[in-house]
Protein backbone atom coordinates (compact mmCIF):
# COMPACT_ATOMS: atom_id res chain seq x y z
CA MET A 1 3.89 13.50 4.91
CA LEU A 2 5.33 10.64 6.97
CA ARG A 3 7.16 8.10 4.82
CA ILE A 4 8.92 4.94 5.95
CA GLU A 5 11.07 2.96 3.54
CA ASN A 6 12.16 -0.67 4.02
CA LEU A 7 12.48 -0.32 7.80
CA ARG A 8 14.09 -3.28 9.53
CA PHE A 9 14.87 -3.78 13.20
CA SER A 10 16.13 -6.58 15.42
CA TYR A 11 16.69 -6.60 19.18
CA ASN A 12 19.27 -9.39 19.06
CA GLY A 13 20.72 -8.85 15.59
CA ILE A 14 19.28 -12.14 14.35
CA VAL A 15 15.48 -12.26 14.54
CA GLU A 16 13.82 -9.30 12.82
CA VAL A 17 10.92 -7.64 14.63
CA LEU A 18 10.32 -5.16 11.80
CA LYS A 19 10.58 -6.87 8.42
CA GLY A 20 10.92 -4.24 5.74
CA ILE A 21 8.14 -1.83 6.75
CA ASN A 22 6.94 0.51 4.00
CA LEU A 23 4.40 3.12 5.04
CA GLU A 24 3.06 6.45 3.79
CA GLN A 25 0.72 8.79 5.62
CA GLU A 26 -0.29 12.01 3.91
CA CYS A 27 -1.95 13.84 6.81
CA GLY A 28 -4.45 13.52 9.66
CA ILE A 29 -4.52 10.61 12.10
CA GLY A 30 -2.94 7.29 11.20
CA CYS A 31 -3.46 4.11 13.19
CA ILE A 32 -1.31 1.01 13.45
CA LEU A 33 -3.82 -1.71 14.27
CA GLY A 34 -2.72 -5.19 15.20
CA PRO A 35 -2.45 -7.90 17.85
CA ASN A 36 -0.01 -8.09 20.76
CA GLY A 37 3.52 -8.79 19.57
CA ALA A 38 2.96 -7.46 16.05
CA GLY A 39 5.77 -4.90 16.39
CA LYS A 40 3.62 -1.78 16.80
CA SER A 41 5.52 -0.33 19.78
CA THR A 42 8.86 -1.14 18.17
CA LEU A 43 7.83 0.69 15.00
CA LEU A 44 6.75 3.78 16.95
CA LYS A 45 9.99 3.77 18.96
CA THR A 46 12.02 3.80 15.74
CA ILE A 47 10.00 6.79 14.50
CA VAL A 48 10.69 8.66 17.75
CA GLY A 49 14.38 7.69 17.78
CA ILE A 50 14.44 5.55 20.93
CA LEU A 51 15.44 2.58 18.77
CA GLN A 52 17.80 2.75 15.80
CA PRO A 53 16.73 0.73 12.76
CA LYS A 54 18.98 -1.93 11.31
CA ARG A 55 18.10 -0.65 7.86
CA GLY A 56 15.70 1.78 6.21
CA LYS A 57 14.72 5.42 6.29
CA ILE A 58 12.06 7.52 8.04
CA PHE A 59 11.05 10.84 6.49
CA PHE A 60 8.73 13.49 7.90
CA LYS A 61 7.97 16.55 5.78
CA GLY A 62 10.98 15.67 3.65
CA ARG A 63 13.42 15.47 6.58
CA ASP A 64 15.29 12.25 7.24
CA LEU A 65 14.51 11.60 10.92
CA THR A 66 17.27 9.00 11.21
CA GLU A 67 19.83 11.79 10.62
CA LEU A 68 18.51 14.10 13.36
CA LYS A 69 19.97 14.33 16.85
CA PHE A 70 17.67 13.11 19.62
CA LYS A 71 16.89 16.61 20.96
CA GLU A 72 16.05 17.86 17.46
CA ARG A 73 13.70 14.95 17.00
CA ALA A 74 12.14 15.57 20.43
CA LYS A 75 11.24 19.11 19.35
CA LEU A 76 9.65 17.78 16.18
CA ILE A 77 7.79 14.80 17.65
CA SER A 78 5.39 14.60 20.60
CA TYR A 79 5.62 11.12 22.13
CA VAL A 80 3.32 9.22 24.47
CA PRO A 81 4.97 5.93 25.50
CA GLN A 82 3.14 2.78 26.47
CA GLU A 83 4.99 2.61 29.80
CA PHE A 84 6.61 5.24 32.00
CA SER A 85 8.21 5.32 35.45
CA LEU A 86 9.45 8.21 37.58
CA SER A 87 12.53 8.27 39.79
CA PHE A 88 11.40 11.42 41.61
CA PRO A 89 8.18 12.26 43.54
CA TYR A 90 6.89 14.63 40.87
CA THR A 91 3.42 16.11 41.01
CA VAL A 92 1.08 15.79 38.05
CA PHE A 93 1.96 19.35 37.00
CA GLU A 94 5.70 18.67 37.19
CA THR A 95 5.31 15.42 35.26
CA VAL A 96 3.56 17.17 32.39
CA LEU A 97 6.14 19.97 32.52
CA VAL A 98 8.78 17.34 31.67
CA GLY A 99 7.19 17.31 28.22
CA ARG A 100 8.47 20.85 27.70
CA HIS A 101 12.09 19.77 28.30
CA PRO A 102 13.19 19.88 24.61
CA HIS A 103 12.12 23.54 24.45
CA LEU A 104 13.43 24.73 27.84
CA ASN A 105 16.22 27.22 28.31
CA THR A 106 18.87 25.24 30.18
CA ILE A 107 19.87 28.30 32.23
CA PHE A 108 16.55 29.91 33.10
CA GLY A 109 14.30 26.84 33.11
CA PRO A 110 10.56 26.86 32.37
CA THR A 111 8.86 30.14 31.52
CA ARG A 112 5.34 31.30 32.27
CA GLU A 113 4.45 30.28 28.71
CA ASP A 114 5.65 26.72 29.42
CA GLU A 115 3.49 26.60 32.54
CA GLU A 116 0.48 27.91 30.61
CA ILE A 117 0.98 25.20 27.98
CA VAL A 118 1.02 22.57 30.73
CA MET A 119 -2.23 23.90 32.21
CA LYS A 120 -3.83 23.97 28.76
CA TYR A 121 -3.41 20.22 28.33
CA LEU A 122 -4.32 19.43 31.94
CA ASN A 123 -7.58 21.29 31.37
CA MET A 124 -8.24 19.54 28.05
CA LEU A 125 -7.94 16.14 29.72
CA ASN A 126 -9.88 17.14 32.84
CA LEU A 127 -6.81 16.79 35.08
CA GLU A 128 -6.57 20.30 36.53
CA GLY A 129 -7.92 19.11 39.88
CA LEU A 130 -5.02 16.64 40.21
CA LYS A 131 -2.18 19.00 39.34
CA GLU A 132 -0.65 19.01 42.85
CA LYS A 133 -1.12 15.29 43.45
CA PRO A 134 1.98 13.03 43.30
CA PHE A 135 2.06 11.09 40.04
CA VAL A 136 2.81 7.80 41.83
CA GLN A 137 -0.46 8.06 43.80
CA LEU A 138 -2.66 8.08 40.70
CA SER A 139 -4.65 5.19 39.30
CA SER A 140 -3.39 3.51 36.12
CA GLY A 141 -6.00 5.35 34.06
CA GLN A 142 -5.14 8.72 35.59
CA LYS A 143 -1.45 8.10 34.94
CA ARG A 144 -2.27 7.33 31.33
CA LEU A 145 -4.07 10.66 30.89
CA VAL A 146 -1.14 12.50 32.50
CA LEU A 147 1.29 10.83 30.07
CA ILE A 148 -0.90 11.90 27.17
CA ALA A 149 -0.90 15.47 28.51
CA ARG A 150 2.88 15.32 28.92
CA GLY A 151 3.35 14.14 25.33
CA LEU A 152 1.00 16.76 23.90
CA ALA A 153 2.81 19.47 25.90
CA GLN A 154 5.85 18.84 23.69
CA GLU A 155 3.78 20.45 20.92
CA GLY A 156 5.66 18.69 18.14
CA GLU A 157 4.51 18.73 14.53
CA LEU A 158 4.05 14.94 14.64
CA MET A 159 2.19 13.23 17.50
CA VAL A 160 3.20 9.62 18.20
CA LEU A 161 1.05 7.77 20.73
CA ASP A 162 1.62 4.16 21.78
CA GLU A 163 -1.71 2.62 22.80
CA PRO A 164 -3.18 5.88 24.16
CA SER A 165 -6.45 4.16 25.17
CA SER A 166 -4.84 1.49 27.37
CA PHE A 167 -5.95 1.58 31.05
CA LEU A 168 -8.62 4.18 30.21
CA ASP A 169 -12.31 3.74 30.92
CA PHE A 170 -14.98 4.01 28.25
CA LYS A 171 -15.39 7.79 28.51
CA ASN A 172 -11.72 8.69 28.89
CA SER A 173 -10.71 6.56 25.89
CA LEU A 174 -12.99 8.74 23.80
CA LEU A 175 -11.82 11.93 25.54
CA ALA A 176 -8.12 11.24 24.94
CA LEU A 177 -8.59 10.44 21.26
CA SER A 178 -10.97 13.38 20.83
CA VAL A 179 -8.24 15.72 22.14
CA VAL A 180 -5.75 14.28 19.64
CA GLU A 181 -8.34 14.58 16.87
CA ASN A 182 -9.10 18.19 17.80
CA ILE A 183 -5.41 19.17 17.76
CA SER A 184 -4.88 17.41 14.44
CA ARG A 185 -7.89 19.03 12.77
CA LYS A 186 -7.47 22.56 14.15
CA LEU A 187 -3.70 22.89 13.92
CA GLY A 188 -3.09 20.66 10.91
CA LYS A 189 -0.78 18.36 12.87
CA MET A 190 -0.26 14.74 11.98
CA ALA A 191 -0.68 11.89 14.47
CA ILE A 192 0.23 8.23 14.28
CA LEU A 193 -0.88 5.92 17.06
CA SER A 194 -1.23 2.25 17.87
CA LEU A 195 -4.53 0.64 18.85
CA HIS A 196 -6.00 -2.78 19.50
CA ASP A 197 -9.64 -1.77 19.11
CA PRO A 198 -10.85 -1.56 15.49
CA ASN A 199 -13.90 0.46 16.53
CA LEU A 200 -11.75 3.28 17.93
CA ALA A 201 -9.82 3.29 14.66
CA LEU A 202 -13.10 3.56 12.75
CA LEU A 203 -14.21 6.46 14.93
CA PHE A 204 -11.08 8.60 14.94
CA CYS A 205 -8.57 7.67 12.26
CA ASP A 206 -8.09 8.76 8.66
CA THR A 207 -5.68 6.00 7.64
CA VAL A 208 -5.21 2.51 9.08
CA PHE A 209 -2.16 0.27 8.75
CA LEU A 210 -2.85 -3.37 9.62
CA MET A 211 0.24 -4.89 11.21
CA LYS A 212 1.05 -8.51 11.97
CA ASP A 213 4.35 -10.33 12.54
CA GLY A 214 6.44 -7.25 11.81
CA THR A 215 4.86 -6.42 8.45
CA ILE A 216 2.07 -4.20 7.13
CA ILE A 217 -0.48 -6.57 5.58
CA ASP A 218 -2.95 -3.91 4.38
CA CYS A 219 -3.56 -0.18 4.59
CA GLY A 220 -6.10 2.41 3.54
CA LYS A 221 -9.21 4.17 4.76
CA PRO A 222 -10.63 2.64 7.98
CA GLU A 223 -14.01 1.77 6.48
CA GLU A 224 -12.27 -0.10 3.65
CA VAL A 225 -9.57 -2.11 5.43
CA ILE A 226 -11.33 -2.79 8.74
CA ASN A 227 -13.53 -5.68 7.72
CA SER A 228 -14.32 -9.21 8.86
CA CYS A 229 -11.80 -10.76 6.49
CA ASN A 230 -8.91 -8.64 7.76
CA MET A 231 -9.94 -9.03 11.41
CA LYS A 232 -9.71 -12.78 10.92
CA LYS A 233 -6.20 -12.39 9.48
CA LEU A 234 -5.08 -10.03 12.26
CA PHE A 235 -6.67 -11.49 15.37
CA ASP A 236 -7.83 -14.97 14.28
CA LEU A 237 -11.29 -13.90 15.38
CA GLU A 238 -14.64 -14.09 13.61
CA THR A 239 -16.44 -10.75 13.52
CA GLU A 240 -19.52 -9.15 12.04
CA GLU A 241 -19.63 -5.78 10.27
CA VAL A 242 -22.59 -3.65 11.36
CA MET A 243 -23.65 -0.41 9.68
CA LEU A 244 -25.33 2.13 11.96
CA PRO A 245 -26.44 5.71 11.18
CA LYS A 246 -23.18 7.04 12.66
CA GLY A 247 -20.94 4.60 10.82
CA LYS A 248 -19.51 1.12 10.69
CA TYR A 249 -18.77 -1.05 13.72
CA ILE A 250 -17.07 -4.40 14.21
CA ILE A 251 -18.81 -6.87 16.52
CA PRO A 252 -16.70 -9.83 17.73
CA ASP A 253 -18.16 -13.33 17.79
CA LYS A 254 -17.16 -14.79 21.16
CA ASN A 255 -18.22 -18.24 20.00
CA SER A 256 -15.25 -18.25 17.62
CA LEU A 257 -13.00 -18.65 20.69
CA GLN A 258 -14.59 -21.90 21.82
CA HIS A 259 -11.84 -24.01 20.23
CA PHE A 260 -9.44 -22.75 22.94
CA PHE A 261 -11.50 -24.62 25.55
CA GLU A 262 -11.96 -27.91 23.72
């Protein structure tokens, strides 16, 4: 279980970005769904340990993550950031190998097993043909897939992914989330990720946390909390709920944006 208690964070010590977040996720894939500026990335960074909360606790499987050293937390948590830059001309293979760093022997370096793990995730995300290509020469979408592979190569018990579908085309958005879903289901690992698209949350997630202005305004099963009323609260957008044989979908009403042009 992932449990967050009264989590508060401020970048300047005055204005709170996270305003007493309380969150519980039993298992499976959890999604933080909300608009830009809601605090989703900040929340995920506090879970990973990049940011230290002003107040509150974060527990995973009974362990207080705020008490762990960064390397211990890096072994426990696989992290895919929203943004990433490289100072060295690494290839795709070398970039993904960086994800193994928390597990590497500092004297002997990566083992054959580490290299096999890297290739496993490159193959899963259809990146094996790019393994020798410099990371900086990739498209934004290709870079995104490489970062997902790098995060998954950490093989932590908890997967934390910040907007994994950003920059990805229609097919690769589904591929990336399908890989996360497959790992979660087969290995019993938990994932928590941030999304902007309610339909992706409906397709892949077990629990959804609706976030706005640094607070969780609702949570529960996707089909229950992702509705027209909550989409209006989150995005100030009129939507229609459509039931199809394969499930529920949210259709935006573009006419509800007309007031911006008047």
